[in-house]
N, C-alpha and C. Protein backbone atom coordinates (compact mmCIF):
# COMPACT_ATOMS: atom_id res chain seq x y z
N UNK A 1 38.98 13.65 -61.89
CA UNK A 1 38.23 12.90 -60.92
C UNK A 1 36.77 12.77 -61.34
N UNK A 2 36.17 13.84 -61.78
CA UNK A 2 34.77 13.81 -62.22
C UNK A 2 34.64 12.96 -63.48
N UNK A 3 35.63 13.04 -64.34
CA UNK A 3 35.63 12.21 -65.55
C UNK A 3 35.53 10.73 -65.19
N UNK A 4 36.21 10.33 -64.12
CA UNK A 4 36.18 8.94 -63.68
C UNK A 4 34.77 8.52 -63.29
N UNK A 5 34.03 9.40 -62.63
CA UNK A 5 32.65 9.08 -62.26
C UNK A 5 31.81 8.80 -63.50
N UNK A 6 31.99 9.62 -64.52
CA UNK A 6 31.26 9.42 -65.78
C UNK A 6 31.74 8.16 -66.50
N UNK A 7 33.04 7.93 -66.50
CA UNK A 7 33.58 6.74 -67.17
C UNK A 7 33.01 5.46 -66.57
N UNK A 8 32.96 5.40 -65.25
CA UNK A 8 32.43 4.20 -64.58
C UNK A 8 30.95 4.03 -64.90
N UNK A 9 30.20 5.12 -64.88
CA UNK A 9 28.77 5.03 -65.20
C UNK A 9 28.57 4.57 -66.64
N UNK A 10 29.34 5.12 -67.55
CA UNK A 10 29.22 4.73 -68.96
C UNK A 10 29.59 3.27 -69.17
N UNK A 11 30.52 2.79 -68.38
CA UNK A 11 30.95 1.40 -68.51
C UNK A 11 29.94 0.42 -67.88
N UNK A 12 29.41 0.77 -66.71
CA UNK A 12 28.54 -0.15 -65.98
C UNK A 12 27.05 0.13 -66.17
N UNK A 13 26.71 1.40 -66.42
CA UNK A 13 25.30 1.76 -66.47
C UNK A 13 24.70 1.82 -65.08
N UNK A 14 23.38 1.90 -65.02
CA UNK A 14 22.68 2.00 -63.73
C UNK A 14 22.20 0.61 -63.31
N UNK A 15 22.06 0.41 -62.00
CA UNK A 15 21.43 -0.80 -61.51
C UNK A 15 22.26 -1.64 -60.57
N UNK A 16 23.48 -1.21 -60.30
CA UNK A 16 24.33 -1.96 -59.38
C UNK A 16 24.29 -1.36 -57.99
N UNK A 17 24.73 -2.14 -57.02
CA UNK A 17 24.87 -1.62 -55.66
C UNK A 17 26.04 -0.66 -55.61
N UNK A 18 25.98 0.24 -54.64
CA UNK A 18 27.02 1.27 -54.50
C UNK A 18 28.41 0.66 -54.39
N UNK A 19 28.54 -0.46 -53.71
CA UNK A 19 29.87 -1.04 -53.49
C UNK A 19 30.57 -1.42 -54.79
N UNK A 20 29.82 -1.76 -55.84
CA UNK A 20 30.46 -2.13 -57.10
C UNK A 20 30.94 -0.89 -57.86
N UNK A 21 30.17 0.17 -57.81
CA UNK A 21 30.64 1.43 -58.39
C UNK A 21 31.88 1.91 -57.63
N UNK A 22 31.81 1.79 -56.32
CA UNK A 22 32.91 2.21 -55.45
C UNK A 22 34.21 1.51 -55.86
N UNK A 23 34.14 0.20 -56.04
CA UNK A 23 35.33 -0.57 -56.41
C UNK A 23 35.88 -0.15 -57.77
N UNK A 24 34.99 0.09 -58.71
CA UNK A 24 35.42 0.51 -60.05
C UNK A 24 36.06 1.90 -60.00
N UNK A 25 35.46 2.80 -59.25
CA UNK A 25 36.01 4.16 -59.11
C UNK A 25 37.38 4.11 -58.46
N UNK A 26 37.52 3.31 -57.42
CA UNK A 26 38.82 3.20 -56.75
C UNK A 26 39.90 2.73 -57.72
N UNK A 27 39.60 1.71 -58.50
CA UNK A 27 40.58 1.19 -59.47
C UNK A 27 41.02 2.28 -60.45
N UNK A 28 40.05 3.05 -60.93
CA UNK A 28 40.37 4.09 -61.91
C UNK A 28 41.13 5.26 -61.28
N UNK A 29 40.76 5.64 -60.06
CA UNK A 29 41.50 6.71 -59.38
C UNK A 29 42.97 6.34 -59.22
N UNK A 30 43.22 5.13 -58.78
CA UNK A 30 44.59 4.66 -58.60
C UNK A 30 45.31 4.60 -59.95
N UNK A 31 44.63 4.10 -60.97
CA UNK A 31 45.23 4.00 -62.30
C UNK A 31 45.60 5.37 -62.86
N UNK A 32 44.82 6.40 -62.50
CA UNK A 32 45.11 7.76 -62.96
C UNK A 32 46.20 8.42 -62.12
N UNK A 33 46.65 7.76 -61.06
CA UNK A 33 47.75 8.28 -60.27
C UNK A 33 47.35 9.11 -59.06
N UNK A 34 46.07 9.12 -58.72
CA UNK A 34 45.64 9.85 -57.53
C UNK A 34 46.07 9.09 -56.27
N UNK A 35 46.46 9.83 -55.24
CA UNK A 35 46.70 9.24 -53.93
C UNK A 35 45.34 9.15 -53.24
N UNK A 36 44.91 7.93 -52.95
CA UNK A 36 43.55 7.69 -52.48
C UNK A 36 43.56 7.03 -51.11
N UNK A 37 42.79 7.60 -50.20
CA UNK A 37 42.50 6.92 -48.93
C UNK A 37 41.01 6.59 -48.98
N UNK A 38 40.66 5.40 -48.54
CA UNK A 38 39.26 5.00 -48.61
C UNK A 38 38.73 4.62 -47.23
N UNK A 39 37.42 4.80 -47.09
CA UNK A 39 36.75 4.51 -45.83
C UNK A 39 37.53 5.09 -44.65
N UNK A 40 37.91 6.34 -44.83
CA UNK A 40 38.70 7.04 -43.81
C UNK A 40 37.83 7.33 -42.59
N UNK A 41 38.31 6.89 -41.46
CA UNK A 41 37.59 7.05 -40.19
C UNK A 41 37.93 8.41 -39.59
N UNK A 42 36.90 9.19 -39.29
CA UNK A 42 37.08 10.52 -38.72
C UNK A 42 36.26 10.64 -37.45
N UNK A 43 36.88 11.15 -36.42
CA UNK A 43 36.18 11.35 -35.14
C UNK A 43 35.76 12.81 -35.01
N UNK A 44 34.61 13.01 -34.39
CA UNK A 44 34.16 14.36 -34.04
C UNK A 44 34.38 14.48 -32.54
N UNK A 45 35.22 15.44 -32.16
CA UNK A 45 35.62 15.56 -30.76
C UNK A 45 35.23 16.92 -30.21
N UNK A 46 34.61 16.91 -29.04
CA UNK A 46 34.27 18.14 -28.32
C UNK A 46 34.77 17.98 -26.89
N UNK A 47 35.53 18.96 -26.44
CA UNK A 47 36.10 18.95 -25.09
C UNK A 47 36.82 17.63 -24.79
N UNK A 48 37.55 17.14 -25.77
CA UNK A 48 38.32 15.93 -25.59
C UNK A 48 37.53 14.63 -25.64
N UNK A 49 36.24 14.70 -25.89
CA UNK A 49 35.39 13.51 -25.94
C UNK A 49 34.88 13.27 -27.35
N UNK A 50 34.87 12.01 -27.75
CA UNK A 50 34.33 11.65 -29.06
C UNK A 50 32.81 11.67 -28.98
N UNK A 51 32.20 12.50 -29.84
CA UNK A 51 30.73 12.59 -29.86
C UNK A 51 30.14 11.98 -31.12
N UNK A 52 30.99 11.59 -32.04
CA UNK A 52 30.50 10.99 -33.28
C UNK A 52 31.65 10.55 -34.16
N UNK A 53 31.27 9.85 -35.23
CA UNK A 53 32.26 9.34 -36.19
C UNK A 53 31.71 9.47 -37.60
N UNK A 54 32.62 9.67 -38.52
CA UNK A 54 32.30 9.67 -39.94
C UNK A 54 33.20 8.67 -40.65
N UNK A 55 32.72 8.12 -41.74
CA UNK A 55 33.53 7.29 -42.62
C UNK A 55 33.41 7.88 -44.03
N UNK A 56 34.49 8.50 -44.48
CA UNK A 56 34.51 9.09 -45.82
C UNK A 56 34.70 7.98 -46.85
N UNK A 57 33.98 8.04 -47.96
CA UNK A 57 34.20 7.06 -49.03
C UNK A 57 35.63 7.18 -49.53
N UNK A 58 36.00 8.37 -49.99
CA UNK A 58 37.34 8.59 -50.52
C UNK A 58 37.87 9.95 -50.06
N UNK A 59 39.14 9.99 -49.72
CA UNK A 59 39.87 11.24 -49.57
C UNK A 59 40.96 11.18 -50.63
N UNK A 60 40.89 12.09 -51.58
CA UNK A 60 41.78 12.07 -52.73
C UNK A 60 42.74 13.25 -52.62
N UNK A 61 44.02 12.93 -52.69
CA UNK A 61 45.06 13.96 -52.64
C UNK A 61 45.65 14.13 -54.01
N UNK A 62 45.61 15.37 -54.50
CA UNK A 62 46.17 15.71 -55.80
C UNK A 62 46.99 16.98 -55.63
N UNK A 63 48.29 16.86 -55.75
CA UNK A 63 49.21 17.98 -55.52
C UNK A 63 49.05 18.43 -54.08
N UNK A 64 48.61 19.67 -53.84
CA UNK A 64 48.47 20.17 -52.47
C UNK A 64 47.02 20.23 -52.01
N UNK A 65 46.13 19.61 -52.76
CA UNK A 65 44.71 19.67 -52.42
C UNK A 65 44.20 18.31 -51.98
N UNK A 66 43.29 18.33 -51.01
CA UNK A 66 42.59 17.12 -50.60
C UNK A 66 41.12 17.33 -50.86
N UNK A 67 40.49 16.34 -51.49
CA UNK A 67 39.08 16.42 -51.86
C UNK A 67 38.37 15.19 -51.33
N UNK A 68 37.23 15.41 -50.69
CA UNK A 68 36.38 14.30 -50.27
C UNK A 68 35.49 13.93 -51.44
N UNK A 69 35.44 12.64 -51.76
CA UNK A 69 34.53 12.15 -52.80
C UNK A 69 33.56 11.18 -52.15
N UNK A 70 32.30 11.50 -52.20
CA UNK A 70 31.24 10.66 -51.63
C UNK A 70 30.38 10.13 -52.77
N UNK A 71 30.19 8.83 -52.78
CA UNK A 71 29.43 8.17 -53.84
C UNK A 71 28.07 7.73 -53.32
N UNK A 72 27.04 7.93 -54.14
CA UNK A 72 25.68 7.53 -53.80
C UNK A 72 25.01 6.91 -55.02
N UNK A 73 24.08 5.99 -54.77
CA UNK A 73 23.16 5.50 -55.80
C UNK A 73 21.78 5.93 -55.32
N UNK A 74 21.16 6.85 -56.04
CA UNK A 74 19.89 7.43 -55.60
C UNK A 74 19.19 8.08 -56.79
N UNK A 75 18.03 8.67 -56.54
CA UNK A 75 17.28 9.36 -57.59
C UNK A 75 17.87 10.73 -57.91
N UNK A 76 18.51 11.35 -56.92
CA UNK A 76 19.03 12.70 -57.07
C UNK A 76 19.99 12.99 -55.93
N UNK A 77 20.56 14.17 -55.92
CA UNK A 77 21.35 14.63 -54.78
C UNK A 77 20.34 15.16 -53.76
N UNK A 78 20.33 14.56 -52.59
CA UNK A 78 19.41 14.97 -51.54
C UNK A 78 20.11 15.89 -50.54
N UNK A 79 19.34 16.73 -49.82
CA UNK A 79 19.95 17.62 -48.83
C UNK A 79 20.79 16.88 -47.78
N UNK A 80 20.38 15.67 -47.40
CA UNK A 80 21.17 14.93 -46.40
C UNK A 80 22.54 14.52 -46.95
N UNK A 81 22.65 14.32 -48.26
CA UNK A 81 23.96 14.04 -48.87
C UNK A 81 24.88 15.25 -48.69
N UNK A 82 24.32 16.42 -48.95
CA UNK A 82 25.10 17.66 -48.83
C UNK A 82 25.52 17.88 -47.38
N UNK A 83 24.59 17.70 -46.44
CA UNK A 83 24.92 17.87 -45.02
C UNK A 83 25.99 16.88 -44.58
N UNK A 84 25.89 15.65 -45.06
CA UNK A 84 26.87 14.62 -44.73
C UNK A 84 28.27 15.04 -45.17
N UNK A 85 28.41 15.46 -46.41
CA UNK A 85 29.73 15.85 -46.93
C UNK A 85 30.22 17.12 -46.24
N UNK A 86 29.35 18.05 -45.98
CA UNK A 86 29.75 19.26 -45.26
C UNK A 86 30.29 18.90 -43.87
N UNK A 87 29.66 17.95 -43.21
CA UNK A 87 30.16 17.47 -41.92
C UNK A 87 31.55 16.86 -42.05
N UNK A 88 31.77 16.07 -43.10
CA UNK A 88 33.10 15.50 -43.35
C UNK A 88 34.14 16.60 -43.50
N UNK A 89 33.78 17.61 -44.29
CA UNK A 89 34.71 18.71 -44.55
C UNK A 89 35.06 19.45 -43.27
N UNK A 90 34.05 19.75 -42.48
CA UNK A 90 34.29 20.47 -41.22
C UNK A 90 35.12 19.64 -40.26
N UNK A 91 34.80 18.36 -40.13
CA UNK A 91 35.51 17.49 -39.19
C UNK A 91 36.98 17.32 -39.57
N UNK A 92 37.29 17.45 -40.85
CA UNK A 92 38.66 17.25 -41.33
C UNK A 92 39.35 18.54 -41.76
N UNK A 93 38.68 19.68 -41.54
CA UNK A 93 39.21 20.98 -41.91
C UNK A 93 39.62 21.02 -43.39
N UNK A 94 38.71 20.55 -44.24
CA UNK A 94 38.93 20.54 -45.69
C UNK A 94 37.99 21.51 -46.37
N UNK A 95 38.31 21.89 -47.59
CA UNK A 95 37.53 22.90 -48.29
C UNK A 95 36.54 22.34 -49.31
N UNK A 96 36.89 21.24 -50.00
CA UNK A 96 36.09 20.79 -51.14
C UNK A 96 35.66 19.34 -51.02
N UNK A 97 34.38 19.13 -51.26
CA UNK A 97 33.83 17.79 -51.36
C UNK A 97 33.04 17.66 -52.65
N UNK A 98 33.03 16.46 -53.19
CA UNK A 98 32.26 16.18 -54.40
C UNK A 98 31.35 15.00 -54.10
N UNK A 99 30.08 15.18 -54.41
CA UNK A 99 29.11 14.09 -54.30
C UNK A 99 28.84 13.61 -55.72
N UNK A 100 29.02 12.33 -55.93
CA UNK A 100 28.69 11.71 -57.21
C UNK A 100 27.51 10.79 -57.00
N UNK A 101 26.39 11.09 -57.64
CA UNK A 101 25.18 10.28 -57.47
C UNK A 101 24.87 9.59 -58.79
N UNK A 102 24.78 8.27 -58.74
CA UNK A 102 24.41 7.47 -59.91
C UNK A 102 22.90 7.28 -59.89
N UNK A 103 22.25 7.81 -60.92
CA UNK A 103 20.80 7.77 -61.04
C UNK A 103 20.41 7.04 -62.31
N UNK A 104 19.12 6.80 -62.47
CA UNK A 104 18.64 6.19 -63.72
C UNK A 104 18.84 7.13 -64.90
N UNK A 105 18.98 8.42 -64.62
CA UNK A 105 19.15 9.44 -65.66
C UNK A 105 20.61 9.78 -65.93
N UNK A 106 21.54 9.13 -65.25
CA UNK A 106 22.96 9.42 -65.44
C UNK A 106 23.62 9.83 -64.14
N UNK A 107 24.76 10.48 -64.26
CA UNK A 107 25.54 10.90 -63.10
C UNK A 107 25.16 12.33 -62.74
N UNK A 108 24.90 12.57 -61.47
CA UNK A 108 24.67 13.92 -60.95
C UNK A 108 25.85 14.26 -60.06
N UNK A 109 26.42 15.42 -60.28
CA UNK A 109 27.59 15.87 -59.53
C UNK A 109 27.21 17.11 -58.73
N UNK A 110 27.62 17.13 -57.46
CA UNK A 110 27.39 18.31 -56.62
C UNK A 110 28.69 18.62 -55.89
N UNK A 111 29.16 19.84 -56.04
CA UNK A 111 30.33 20.30 -55.30
C UNK A 111 29.85 20.92 -54.00
N UNK A 112 30.56 20.61 -52.93
CA UNK A 112 30.24 21.14 -51.61
C UNK A 112 31.48 21.87 -51.11
N UNK A 113 31.30 23.12 -50.73
CA UNK A 113 32.40 23.96 -50.26
C UNK A 113 32.24 24.23 -48.77
N UNK A 114 33.33 24.09 -48.03
CA UNK A 114 33.32 24.40 -46.60
C UNK A 114 33.82 25.83 -46.42
C-alpha cells in the first residue's frame, strides 16, 4: 500500500490537486488486488444521536486487516491530519491508519495507531 503512494508520486510528481492523486491511487490499489471502499461515510453517535460525520478517503481490506488511508497534498504532516485519522479509527473501531502527504519534497508517510 505504501509502495503505491510512492509509485503515484514518482509517476505524477508534485503539483496536482488531491483528487487526481486520489484517482491514481485508487486505480493502483484495485490493480494490486486490494478490497477498497472509498469516501466511506461514518457517523459519530452519542446516546443514539448523530453528533458528527466523517468521510474516509479509503478503507482498505487486506486479509483480516482494515486500514484507513488518508491522502493529503500539503507541506508536511500536520497535527490536524493525525487527529482526523485518529477520529476515523475511533469512530470505526479500527487500529491502523496511514496518512500519505504529497509535498514538494516527496511523499511523507505517518502511521496512526488507535
